[in-house]
Protein backbone atom coordinates (compact mmCIF):
# COMPACT_ATOMS: atom_id res chain seq x y z
CA UNK A 1 40.07 28.19 2.13
CA UNK A 2 37.70 25.56 3.53
CA UNK A 3 39.14 23.64 6.48
CA UNK A 4 38.05 19.99 6.53
CA UNK A 5 38.31 17.27 9.16
CA UNK A 6 37.63 13.76 7.83
CA UNK A 7 36.47 10.90 10.07
CA UNK A 8 37.25 7.33 9.00
CA UNK A 9 37.20 3.78 10.30
CA UNK A 10 39.00 1.85 7.59
CA UNK A 11 40.55 1.90 4.12
CA UNK A 12 39.81 5.54 3.37
CA UNK A 13 39.14 5.34 -0.37
CA UNK A 14 36.75 8.30 -0.26
CA UNK A 15 39.34 10.19 1.76
CA UNK A 16 41.83 9.53 -1.04
CA UNK A 17 39.40 10.82 -3.67
CA UNK A 18 39.01 14.03 -1.66
CA UNK A 19 42.77 14.41 -1.19
CA UNK A 20 43.36 13.86 -4.91
CA UNK A 21 40.82 16.48 -5.98
CA UNK A 22 42.31 19.03 -3.58
CA UNK A 23 45.80 18.22 -4.87
CA UNK A 24 44.58 18.74 -8.45
CA UNK A 25 43.16 22.15 -7.46
CA UNK A 26 39.61 20.95 -8.06
CA UNK A 27 38.60 22.00 -4.54
CA UNK A 28 39.66 25.17 -2.70
CA UNK A 29 40.06 23.39 0.60
CA UNK A 30 42.51 21.75 2.94
CA UNK A 31 42.12 18.53 4.94
CA UNK A 32 43.58 19.69 8.24
CA UNK A 33 43.15 16.38 10.10
CA UNK A 34 42.02 12.79 9.62
CA UNK A 35 40.60 11.07 12.68
CA UNK A 36 39.98 7.34 12.99
CA UNK A 37 38.17 5.48 15.74
CA UNK A 38 40.39 2.48 15.01
CA UNK A 39 44.19 2.25 15.05
CA UNK A 40 46.27 0.78 12.23
CA UNK A 41 43.76 1.34 9.42
CA UNK A 42 45.01 2.15 5.94
CA UNK A 43 43.19 5.46 5.82
CA UNK A 44 45.61 6.80 8.44
CA UNK A 45 48.51 5.89 6.16
CA UNK A 46 46.82 7.73 3.30
CA UNK A 47 46.65 10.84 5.49
CA UNK A 48 50.29 10.58 6.56
CA UNK A 49 51.43 10.07 2.96
CA UNK A 50 49.60 13.28 2.05
CA UNK A 51 51.22 15.19 4.92
CA UNK A 52 47.95 15.40 6.86
CA UNK A 53 47.72 15.04 10.63
CA UNK A 54 46.51 11.47 11.36
CA UNK A 55 44.86 10.93 14.74
CA UNK A 56 43.31 7.97 16.53
CA UNK A 57 40.47 8.53 19.00
CA UNK A 58 40.06 4.89 19.91
CA UNK A 59 36.49 3.73 20.44
CA UNK A 60 37.39 0.43 22.07
CA UNK A 61 36.43 -0.01 25.70
CA UNK A 62 34.56 3.29 25.95
CA UNK A 63 31.98 3.59 28.69
CA UNK A 64 29.32 5.32 26.60
CA UNK A 65 28.67 6.85 23.20
CA UNK A 66 28.31 10.27 24.84
CA UNK A 67 31.70 9.98 26.58
CA UNK A 68 33.41 8.95 23.36
CA UNK A 69 31.71 11.64 21.30
CA UNK A 70 32.75 14.33 23.77
CA UNK A 71 36.39 13.28 23.37
CA UNK A 72 35.92 13.14 19.60
CA UNK A 73 34.33 16.59 19.52
CA UNK A 74 37.13 18.09 21.59
CA UNK A 75 39.66 16.59 19.20
CA UNK A 76 37.86 17.83 16.09
CA UNK A 77 37.45 21.33 17.52
CA UNK A 78 41.21 21.70 17.96
CA UNK A 79 41.39 21.98 14.17
CA UNK A 80 38.57 24.54 13.79
CA UNK A 81 36.95 22.89 10.77
CA UNK A 82 34.46 24.54 8.44
CA UNK A 83 33.26 21.09 7.39
CA UNK A 84 33.36 17.64 9.01
CA UNK A 85 33.25 14.78 6.52
CA UNK A 86 32.23 11.24 7.47
CA UNK A 87 34.05 8.90 5.09
CA UNK A 88 33.29 5.38 6.22
CA UNK A 89 33.14 6.32 9.90
CA UNK A 90 31.39 3.30 11.35
CA UNK A 91 29.87 4.74 14.48
CA UNK A 92 26.43 6.19 15.18
CA UNK A 93 26.98 9.70 16.47
CA UNK A 94 25.22 11.10 19.52
CA UNK A 95 22.66 13.87 19.11
CA UNK A 96 24.89 16.31 20.97
CA UNK A 97 27.78 15.78 18.56
CA UNK A 98 25.59 16.03 15.46
CA UNK A 99 23.92 19.19 16.70
CA UNK A 100 27.29 20.73 17.56
CA UNK A 101 28.22 20.59 13.85
CA UNK A 102 24.78 21.45 12.55
CA UNK A 103 24.92 22.35 8.87
CA UNK A 104 28.59 21.45 8.47
CA UNK A 105 28.55 17.67 8.91
CA UNK A 106 28.10 15.47 5.82
CA UNK A 107 28.05 11.74 5.15
CA UNK A 108 28.08 9.39 2.18
CA UNK A 109 25.86 6.32 2.32
CA UNK A 110 25.92 3.35 -0.08
CA UNK A 111 22.26 3.36 -1.13
CA UNK A 112 19.69 5.55 -2.80
CA UNK A 113 18.34 7.07 0.38
CA UNK A 114 15.76 6.99 1.85
CA UNK A 115 15.96 3.32 0.80
CA UNK A 116 18.24 0.96 2.73
CA UNK A 117 19.35 2.98 5.69
CA UNK A 118 21.89 1.26 7.91
CA UNK A 119 24.27 -1.57 7.06
CA UNK A 120 24.68 -4.30 4.41
CA UNK A 121 23.03 -2.22 1.72
CA UNK A 122 24.47 -4.07 -1.28
CA UNK A 123 23.22 -7.45 -0.10
CA UNK A 124 19.83 -6.03 0.81
CA UNK A 125 19.44 -4.48 -2.64
CA UNK A 126 20.28 -7.78 -4.34
CA UNK A 127 17.95 -9.72 -2.03
CA UNK A 128 15.12 -7.33 -2.89
CA UNK A 129 15.62 -7.79 -6.64
CA UNK A 130 16.04 -4.06 -7.28
CA UNK A 131 17.13 -2.89 -10.72
CA UNK A 132 19.10 0.15 -9.51
CA UNK A 133 21.36 1.01 -6.61
CA UNK A 134 23.69 3.87 -5.81
CA UNK A 135 25.14 6.26 -3.27
CA UNK A 136 23.87 9.36 -1.48
CA UNK A 137 25.64 12.36 0.02
CA UNK A 138 23.58 14.07 2.70
CA UNK A 139 23.75 16.45 5.60
CA UNK A 140 23.81 14.65 8.95
CA UNK A 141 20.99 15.13 11.43
CA UNK A 142 20.40 13.16 14.65
CA UNK A 143 18.15 10.59 12.90
CA UNK A 144 20.32 7.91 11.26
CA UNK A 145 20.80 8.28 7.48
CA UNK A 146 17.85 10.69 7.31
CA UNK A 147 19.44 14.07 6.68
CA UNK A 148 18.55 16.16 3.63
CA UNK A 149 20.05 14.88 0.39
CA UNK A 150 22.68 16.84 -1.49
CA UNK A 151 23.63 14.51 -4.36
CA UNK A 152 22.99 10.92 -5.41
CA UNK A 153 24.51 8.70 -8.07
CA UNK A 154 22.57 5.78 -9.53
CA UNK A 155 23.98 2.58 -11.05
CA UNK A 156 22.15 -0.23 -12.82
CA UNK A 157 22.15 -3.68 -11.21
CA UNK A 158 23.26 -6.43 -13.59
CA UNK A 159 21.83 -9.95 -13.54
CA UNK A 160 25.22 -11.43 -12.65
CA UNK A 161 26.07 -8.89 -9.96
CA UNK A 162 27.45 -10.00 -6.62
CA UNK A 163 27.88 -7.92 -3.50
CA UNK A 164 31.51 -7.31 -4.50
CA UNK A 165 30.88 -6.27 -8.10
CA UNK A 166 28.01 -4.02 -7.11
CA UNK A 167 30.01 -2.45 -4.29
CA UNK A 168 32.89 -1.74 -6.68
CA UNK A 169 30.67 0.19 -9.09
CA UNK A 170 29.00 2.11 -6.29
CA UNK A 171 32.40 3.03 -4.84
CA UNK A 172 33.47 4.49 -8.17
CA UNK A 173 30.47 6.80 -8.09
CA UNK A 174 31.13 7.71 -4.46
CA UNK A 175 34.60 8.88 -5.47
CA UNK A 176 32.98 11.23 -8.00
CA UNK A 177 30.10 12.69 -6.04
CA UNK A 178 31.69 13.17 -2.61
CA UNK A 179 34.50 15.48 -3.79
CA UNK A 180 31.96 17.30 -5.98
CA UNK A 181 29.71 18.05 -3.00
CA UNK A 182 32.72 19.28 -1.00
CA UNK A 183 33.63 21.55 -3.91
CA UNK A 184 30.10 22.99 -3.87
CA UNK A 185 30.31 23.51 -0.12
CA UNK A 186 33.69 25.25 -0.46
CA UNK A 187 32.20 27.55 -3.10
CA UNK A 188 29.24 28.40 -0.86
CA UNK A 189 26.79 26.81 -3.30
CA UNK A 190 25.31 24.28 -0.86
CA UNK A 191 23.96 24.72 2.65
CA UNK A 192 21.35 23.32 4.99
CA UNK A 193 18.53 25.58 6.16
CA UNK A 194 15.66 24.33 8.34
CA UNK A 195 16.72 20.72 7.64
CA UNK A 196 16.49 21.29 3.89
CA UNK A 197 19.25 21.44 1.30
CA UNK A 198 19.65 24.64 -0.66
CA UNK A 199 21.83 24.76 -3.77
CA UNK A 200 22.55 28.06 -5.46
CA UNK A 201 19.90 29.68 -3.27
CA UNK A 202 17.08 27.30 -4.18
CA UNK A 203 15.62 24.41 -2.22
CA UNK A 204 16.87 21.16 -3.73
CA UNK A 205 14.24 18.57 -4.66
CA UNK A 206 14.87 14.84 -4.45
CA UNK A 207 14.89 14.53 -8.23
CA UNK A 208 17.39 17.37 -8.57
CA UNK A 209 19.77 15.55 -6.22
CA UNK A 210 20.01 12.55 -8.55
CA UNK A 211 22.74 11.87 -11.08
CA UNK A 212 21.77 9.03 -13.41
CA UNK A 213 25.00 7.15 -13.97
CA UNK A 214 25.24 3.62 -15.36
């Protein structure tokens, strides 16, 4: 059974989607710990309600990213995870930490990468007048939001969309594709080799990583 550690910073809605799919026997895995860099966030309550160990590694008043990430890594390693899942973890990870979990660290980003890396993606998409937006699940490498894609979901942008309405539709797709990727990982169908994604033994193209969902 796949052992998962999930890192969060807030509400934890993607965490809940993962927990629900595991509970429904959709994924042969177990979330063995949820770690937040902030105390008193709702995602920690979600973990506790599911009987999962909920831990805070507080990032306030840390001297350096490297010092914090070393403490975080030591905490994660106590649970011997097969996969580390970033689910709204709002910190940029150091190269050392990312490389420590090479090939077993994944993230979900609210844009159709490689477009709109970084923050405020929904507003940036609307400001640019794009017709489509979405979410991307990718392996994490040291370069921010640049790891090889695993799966994307696309949504159409409506003329009357606001940041909130667009974010809501993107979140719905996130809750579909993130558990699906974890299921693939648990089944051994997805892996990263030489900074490329392989699914079912074949290198995955950008087009093959896209789900067209309206």
